[in-house]
Amino acid sequence: MSANDFYWELAELNADAIIFEEYEDAYLGYAHRIGGLKPVAVYSYSIIVNQLAAAYSYDEELVASLEEKFKDESESELLIVEELMNMAVEYVDFNVVNTAGGEDNENGPIFVMEPQIGFDERRAE
């Protein structure tokens, strides 16, 4: 079953649910909410950010400007990746999450913040 099938299922339950077709790979499904609210789409925040950062990495002009910015740094490649991730987070926060549904957000999606894979704070010593 593709994400599109889930979108159709959600559309039957809540025709006003806000979806982002451009982030279909980050679509996790839909969530039922208490209080008589209609179901809404659920997306992985980290997948959206990672996809956007990856897209930024193909922008040759942007990467060249970051290479110039960090050319004197010992870990310039790591700094470039961190900058691309920061840019993606900023974009997603202001242009996706904050605009997804207006003030009441009744039909806006839920963005899940997953823990880092492989990290278990109980094992940290």
N, C-alpha and C. Protein backbone atom coordinates (compact mmCIF):
# COMPACT_ATOMS: atom_id res chain seq x y z
N MET A 1 0.86 -1.18 0.00
CA MET A 1 0.00 0.00 0.00
C MET A 1 0.90 1.23 0.00
N SER A 2 0.66 2.11 -0.92
CA SER A 2 1.47 3.32 -1.02
C SER A 2 0.91 4.41 -0.09
N ALA A 3 1.73 5.45 0.11
CA ALA A 3 1.28 6.58 0.92
C ALA A 3 0.04 7.20 0.29
N ASN A 4 -0.03 7.19 -1.02
CA ASN A 4 -1.21 7.74 -1.71
C ASN A 4 -2.49 7.05 -1.26
N ASP A 5 -2.42 5.72 -1.05
CA ASP A 5 -3.59 5.00 -0.57
C ASP A 5 -4.00 5.51 0.81
N PHE A 6 -3.01 5.78 1.65
CA PHE A 6 -3.30 6.32 2.98
C PHE A 6 -3.91 7.72 2.87
N TYR A 7 -3.42 8.51 1.93
CA TYR A 7 -3.99 9.84 1.73
C TYR A 7 -5.47 9.73 1.37
N TRP A 8 -5.81 8.77 0.51
CA TRP A 8 -7.21 8.60 0.12
C TRP A 8 -8.04 8.16 1.31
N GLU A 9 -7.48 7.27 2.12
CA GLU A 9 -8.20 6.82 3.31
C GLU A 9 -8.44 7.99 4.26
N LEU A 10 -7.41 8.81 4.46
CA LEU A 10 -7.55 9.99 5.31
C LEU A 10 -8.57 10.96 4.73
N ALA A 11 -8.56 11.13 3.42
CA ALA A 11 -9.50 12.05 2.76
C ALA A 11 -10.95 11.62 3.00
N GLU A 12 -11.17 10.32 3.08
CA GLU A 12 -12.52 9.83 3.36
C GLU A 12 -12.94 10.15 4.79
N LEU A 13 -11.97 10.14 5.72
CA LEU A 13 -12.26 10.40 7.13
C LEU A 13 -12.31 11.89 7.44
N ASN A 14 -11.47 12.67 6.74
CA ASN A 14 -11.40 14.12 6.97
C ASN A 14 -10.98 14.79 5.66
N ALA A 15 -11.95 15.21 4.90
CA ALA A 15 -11.68 15.82 3.59
C ALA A 15 -10.89 17.13 3.72
N ASP A 16 -10.90 17.74 4.91
CA ASP A 16 -10.19 19.01 5.13
C ASP A 16 -8.79 18.82 5.69
N ALA A 17 -8.38 17.59 5.90
CA ALA A 17 -7.05 17.33 6.45
C ALA A 17 -5.99 17.89 5.52
N ILE A 18 -5.02 18.58 6.10
CA ILE A 18 -3.94 19.17 5.31
C ILE A 18 -2.86 18.11 5.09
N ILE A 19 -2.52 17.93 3.82
CA ILE A 19 -1.46 16.98 3.48
C ILE A 19 -0.40 17.69 2.66
N PHE A 20 0.79 17.16 2.70
CA PHE A 20 1.92 17.68 1.93
C PHE A 20 2.37 16.58 0.98
N GLU A 21 1.85 16.60 -0.23
CA GLU A 21 2.21 15.57 -1.19
C GLU A 21 3.70 15.55 -1.49
N GLU A 22 4.35 16.71 -1.37
CA GLU A 22 5.79 16.77 -1.64
C GLU A 22 6.61 16.04 -0.57
N TYR A 23 5.98 15.71 0.55
CA TYR A 23 6.67 14.99 1.62
C TYR A 23 6.05 13.61 1.82
N GLU A 24 5.61 13.00 0.74
CA GLU A 24 4.96 11.70 0.80
C GLU A 24 5.84 10.66 1.48
N ASP A 25 7.16 10.71 1.25
CA ASP A 25 8.07 9.74 1.86
C ASP A 25 8.11 9.87 3.38
N ALA A 26 7.74 11.02 3.89
CA ALA A 26 7.75 11.24 5.34
C ALA A 26 6.39 10.97 5.98
N TYR A 27 5.40 10.62 5.17
CA TYR A 27 4.05 10.37 5.67
C TYR A 27 4.02 9.05 6.42
N LEU A 28 3.62 9.10 7.69
CA LEU A 28 3.57 7.91 8.52
C LEU A 28 2.18 7.29 8.60
N GLY A 29 1.18 8.06 8.23
CA GLY A 29 -0.20 7.61 8.32
C GLY A 29 -1.05 8.73 8.87
N TYR A 30 -2.12 8.37 9.54
CA TYR A 30 -2.96 9.41 10.14
C TYR A 30 -3.22 9.05 11.59
N ALA A 31 -3.63 10.05 12.37
CA ALA A 31 -3.87 9.87 13.80
C ALA A 31 -5.29 10.25 14.14
N HIS A 32 -5.89 9.46 14.99
CA HIS A 32 -7.19 9.80 15.57
C HIS A 32 -6.90 10.58 16.84
N ARG A 33 -7.69 11.63 17.07
CA ARG A 33 -7.47 12.47 18.25
C ARG A 33 -8.72 12.48 19.11
N ILE A 34 -8.53 12.68 20.40
CA ILE A 34 -9.66 12.69 21.32
C ILE A 34 -10.42 14.00 21.22
N GLY A 35 -11.58 14.04 21.82
CA GLY A 35 -12.36 15.27 21.86
C GLY A 35 -13.20 15.50 20.63
N GLY A 36 -13.46 14.47 19.87
CA GLY A 36 -14.30 14.63 18.70
C GLY A 36 -13.61 15.28 17.51
N LEU A 37 -12.30 15.42 17.57
CA LEU A 37 -11.56 16.00 16.45
C LEU A 37 -11.38 14.97 15.34
N LYS A 38 -11.36 15.45 14.12
CA LYS A 38 -11.19 14.58 12.97
C LYS A 38 -9.74 14.09 12.89
N PRO A 39 -9.52 12.94 12.24
CA PRO A 39 -8.15 12.46 12.04
C PRO A 39 -7.34 13.42 11.17
N VAL A 40 -6.04 13.44 11.39
CA VAL A 40 -5.13 14.28 10.61
C VAL A 40 -3.91 13.47 10.18
N ALA A 41 -3.20 13.98 9.20
CA ALA A 41 -1.99 13.35 8.69
C ALA A 41 -0.88 13.41 9.74
N VAL A 42 -0.01 12.41 9.69
CA VAL A 42 1.15 12.36 10.58
C VAL A 42 2.40 12.21 9.72
N TYR A 43 3.37 13.09 9.97
CA TYR A 43 4.62 13.08 9.21
C TYR A 43 5.81 12.94 10.14
N SER A 44 6.87 12.36 9.61
CA SER A 44 8.14 12.29 10.32
C SER A 44 8.89 13.59 10.07
N TYR A 45 9.08 14.35 11.13
CA TYR A 45 9.81 15.62 11.04
C TYR A 45 11.23 15.38 10.53
N SER A 46 11.90 14.37 11.07
CA SER A 46 13.30 14.14 10.70
C SER A 46 13.46 13.73 9.24
N ILE A 47 12.50 12.96 8.72
CA ILE A 47 12.60 12.59 7.31
C ILE A 47 12.44 13.82 6.42
N ILE A 48 11.51 14.69 6.76
CA ILE A 48 11.34 15.92 5.98
C ILE A 48 12.62 16.75 6.01
N VAL A 49 13.19 16.92 7.19
CA VAL A 49 14.43 17.71 7.32
C VAL A 49 15.55 17.06 6.53
N ASN A 50 15.71 15.75 6.65
CA ASN A 50 16.78 15.07 5.93
C ASN A 50 16.61 15.17 4.42
N GLN A 51 15.38 15.04 3.93
CA GLN A 51 15.14 15.17 2.49
C GLN A 51 15.50 16.57 2.00
N LEU A 52 15.12 17.56 2.77
CA LEU A 52 15.41 18.93 2.37
C LEU A 52 16.90 19.21 2.40
N ALA A 53 17.59 18.75 3.45
CA ALA A 53 19.04 18.94 3.53
C ALA A 53 19.74 18.24 2.37
N ALA A 54 19.27 17.05 2.02
CA ALA A 54 19.85 16.34 0.88
C ALA A 54 19.64 17.13 -0.41
N ALA A 55 18.46 17.71 -0.57
CA ALA A 55 18.18 18.53 -1.76
C ALA A 55 19.10 19.74 -1.80
N TYR A 56 19.32 20.36 -0.64
CA TYR A 56 20.24 21.50 -0.58
C TYR A 56 21.65 21.09 -1.00
N SER A 57 22.04 19.86 -0.67
CA SER A 57 23.41 19.42 -0.98
C SER A 57 23.66 19.31 -2.48
N TYR A 58 22.59 19.28 -3.29
CA TYR A 58 22.74 19.24 -4.75
C TYR A 58 22.77 20.63 -5.37
N ASP A 59 22.59 21.64 -4.57
CA ASP A 59 22.66 23.02 -5.04
C ASP A 59 24.13 23.43 -5.07
N GLU A 60 24.72 23.36 -6.25
CA GLU A 60 26.16 23.59 -6.39
C GLU A 60 26.58 24.97 -5.92
N GLU A 61 25.77 25.96 -6.20
CA GLU A 61 26.09 27.33 -5.78
C GLU A 61 26.07 27.46 -4.25
N LEU A 62 25.08 26.87 -3.64
CA LEU A 62 24.98 26.91 -2.18
C LEU A 62 26.16 26.18 -1.54
N VAL A 63 26.46 24.99 -2.02
CA VAL A 63 27.58 24.22 -1.47
C VAL A 63 28.89 24.97 -1.67
N ALA A 64 29.08 25.58 -2.81
CA ALA A 64 30.30 26.35 -3.06
C ALA A 64 30.42 27.51 -2.08
N SER A 65 29.30 28.18 -1.78
CA SER A 65 29.36 29.29 -0.83
C SER A 65 29.69 28.79 0.58
N LEU A 66 29.20 27.61 0.93
CA LEU A 66 29.52 27.04 2.24
C LEU A 66 30.97 26.56 2.29
N GLU A 67 31.46 26.03 1.19
CA GLU A 67 32.87 25.63 1.14
C GLU A 67 33.77 26.84 1.35
N GLU A 68 33.40 27.95 0.75
CA GLU A 68 34.16 29.19 0.93
C GLU A 68 34.07 29.66 2.38
N LYS A 69 32.90 29.60 2.94
CA LYS A 69 32.68 30.04 4.32
C LYS A 69 33.52 29.25 5.32
N PHE A 70 33.64 27.94 5.09
CA PHE A 70 34.33 27.07 6.04
C PHE A 70 35.70 26.59 5.54
N LYS A 71 36.27 27.25 4.56
CA LYS A 71 37.50 26.76 3.95
C LYS A 71 38.68 26.69 4.92
N ASP A 72 38.70 27.51 5.93
CA ASP A 72 39.82 27.52 6.87
C ASP A 72 39.58 26.64 8.10
N GLU A 73 38.47 25.95 8.14
CA GLU A 73 38.13 25.10 9.27
C GLU A 73 38.67 23.68 9.04
N SER A 74 39.11 23.04 10.14
CA SER A 74 39.69 21.70 10.02
C SER A 74 38.66 20.64 9.64
N GLU A 75 37.44 20.79 10.08
CA GLU A 75 36.38 19.82 9.76
C GLU A 75 35.33 20.48 8.88
N SER A 76 35.78 21.04 7.76
CA SER A 76 34.89 21.82 6.91
C SER A 76 33.72 20.99 6.36
N GLU A 77 33.96 19.72 5.99
CA GLU A 77 32.87 18.91 5.44
C GLU A 77 31.77 18.70 6.48
N LEU A 78 32.16 18.44 7.71
CA LEU A 78 31.18 18.27 8.78
C LEU A 78 30.41 19.57 9.02
N LEU A 79 31.10 20.69 8.99
CA LEU A 79 30.46 21.98 9.20
C LEU A 79 29.47 22.30 8.07
N ILE A 80 29.82 21.91 6.86
CA ILE A 80 28.91 22.13 5.72
C ILE A 80 27.64 21.30 5.90
N VAL A 81 27.79 20.04 6.29
CA VAL A 81 26.63 19.18 6.52
C VAL A 81 25.77 19.75 7.65
N GLU A 82 26.39 20.18 8.73
CA GLU A 82 25.64 20.77 9.85
C GLU A 82 24.89 22.03 9.41
N GLU A 83 25.53 22.85 8.58
CA GLU A 83 24.88 24.07 8.08
C GLU A 83 23.69 23.73 7.19
N LEU A 84 23.84 22.72 6.33
CA LEU A 84 22.73 22.29 5.48
C LEU A 84 21.57 21.78 6.33
N MET A 85 21.89 21.03 7.37
CA MET A 85 20.84 20.52 8.28
C MET A 85 20.16 21.69 9.01
N ASN A 86 20.93 22.64 9.48
CA ASN A 86 20.36 23.81 10.17
C ASN A 86 19.44 24.60 9.25
N MET A 87 19.86 24.75 8.00
CA MET A 87 19.03 25.46 7.02
C MET A 87 17.72 24.70 6.79
N ALA A 88 17.81 23.38 6.71
CA ALA A 88 16.62 22.57 6.50
C ALA A 88 15.67 22.66 7.69
N VAL A 89 16.21 22.60 8.90
CA VAL A 89 15.38 22.71 10.10
C VAL A 89 14.68 24.05 10.13
N GLU A 90 15.42 25.10 9.85
CA GLU A 90 14.83 26.44 9.85
C GLU A 90 13.70 26.54 8.82
N TYR A 91 13.94 26.01 7.63
CA TYR A 91 12.92 26.05 6.59
C TYR A 91 11.67 25.28 7.02
N VAL A 92 11.87 24.06 7.50
CA VAL A 92 10.73 23.22 7.89
C VAL A 92 9.95 23.87 9.03
N ASP A 93 10.66 24.39 10.02
CA ASP A 93 9.98 25.01 11.16
C ASP A 93 9.11 26.19 10.74
N PHE A 94 9.65 27.05 9.88
CA PHE A 94 8.93 28.27 9.52
C PHE A 94 7.99 28.13 8.34
N ASN A 95 8.30 27.23 7.41
CA ASN A 95 7.52 27.15 6.18
C ASN A 95 6.65 25.91 6.05
N VAL A 96 6.79 24.98 6.96
CA VAL A 96 5.96 23.78 6.92
C VAL A 96 5.18 23.67 8.23
N VAL A 97 5.88 23.48 9.32
CA VAL A 97 5.22 23.26 10.61
C VAL A 97 4.38 24.45 11.03
N ASN A 98 4.92 25.63 10.96
CA ASN A 98 4.20 26.82 11.44
C ASN A 98 3.08 27.29 10.52
N THR A 99 3.04 26.77 9.31
CA THR A 99 1.98 27.19 8.38
C THR A 99 0.96 26.10 8.13
N ALA A 100 1.10 24.98 8.80
CA ALA A 100 0.27 23.81 8.52
C ALA A 100 -1.04 23.83 9.29
N GLY A 101 -1.96 24.65 8.89
CA GLY A 101 -3.28 24.56 9.48
C GLY A 101 -3.83 25.81 10.10
N GLY A 102 -3.10 26.86 10.12
CA GLY A 102 -3.63 28.10 10.68
C GLY A 102 -3.63 28.10 12.19
N GLU A 103 -4.41 29.01 12.76
CA GLU A 103 -4.40 29.21 14.20
C GLU A 103 -4.98 28.03 14.99
N ASP A 104 -6.13 27.53 14.58
CA ASP A 104 -6.74 26.45 15.37
C ASP A 104 -6.12 25.09 15.07
N ASN A 105 -5.50 24.95 13.91
CA ASN A 105 -4.79 23.75 13.52
C ASN A 105 -5.65 22.49 13.60
N GLU A 106 -6.96 22.66 13.48
CA GLU A 106 -7.87 21.52 13.60
C GLU A 106 -7.59 20.45 12.54
N ASN A 107 -7.22 20.86 11.34
CA ASN A 107 -6.99 19.92 10.26
C ASN A 107 -5.52 19.78 9.89
N GLY A 108 -4.66 20.49 10.61
CA GLY A 108 -3.23 20.45 10.34
C GLY A 108 -2.60 19.14 10.78
N PRO A 109 -1.52 18.77 10.13
CA PRO A 109 -0.88 17.50 10.45
C PRO A 109 -0.12 17.54 11.78
N ILE A 110 0.22 16.35 12.21
CA ILE A 110 1.08 16.15 13.38
C ILE A 110 2.47 15.82 12.85
N PHE A 111 3.49 16.42 13.43
CA PHE A 111 4.87 16.14 13.05
C PHE A 111 5.54 15.40 14.21
N VAL A 112 5.94 14.16 13.95
CA VAL A 112 6.54 13.33 14.98
C VAL A 112 8.04 13.56 15.02
N MET A 113 8.54 13.79 16.23
CA MET A 113 9.98 13.95 16.44
C MET A 113 10.48 12.61 17.00
N GLU A 114 11.12 11.82 16.16
CA GLU A 114 11.60 10.52 16.59
C GLU A 114 12.94 10.63 17.30
N PRO A 115 13.20 9.71 18.24
CA PRO A 115 14.52 9.71 18.87
C PRO A 115 15.56 9.25 17.86
N GLN A 116 16.80 9.61 18.12
CA GLN A 116 17.87 9.17 17.23
C GLN A 116 17.98 7.66 17.30
N ILE A 117 18.10 7.03 16.16
CA ILE A 117 18.19 5.58 16.10
C ILE A 117 19.50 5.14 16.75
N GLY A 118 19.40 4.15 17.60
CA GLY A 118 20.59 3.60 18.25
C GLY A 118 20.95 4.32 19.55
N PHE A 119 20.26 5.36 19.90
CA PHE A 119 20.57 6.09 21.13
C PHE A 119 19.63 5.63 22.23
N ASP A 120 20.21 5.21 23.33
CA ASP A 120 19.42 4.82 24.49
C ASP A 120 20.04 5.48 25.70
N GLU A 121 19.38 6.51 26.22
CA GLU A 121 19.94 7.28 27.32
C GLU A 121 20.11 6.44 28.58
N ARG A 122 19.37 5.35 28.70
CA ARG A 122 19.51 4.50 29.87
C ARG A 122 20.87 3.82 29.89
N ARG A 123 21.48 3.67 28.76
CA ARG A 123 22.78 3.01 28.68
C ARG A 123 23.95 3.97 28.75
N ALA A 124 23.64 5.26 28.68
CA ALA A 124 24.73 6.25 28.73
C ALA A 124 25.34 6.25 30.12
N GLU A 125 26.65 6.19 30.14
CA GLU A 125 27.36 6.18 31.44
C GLU A 125 28.40 7.26 31.48
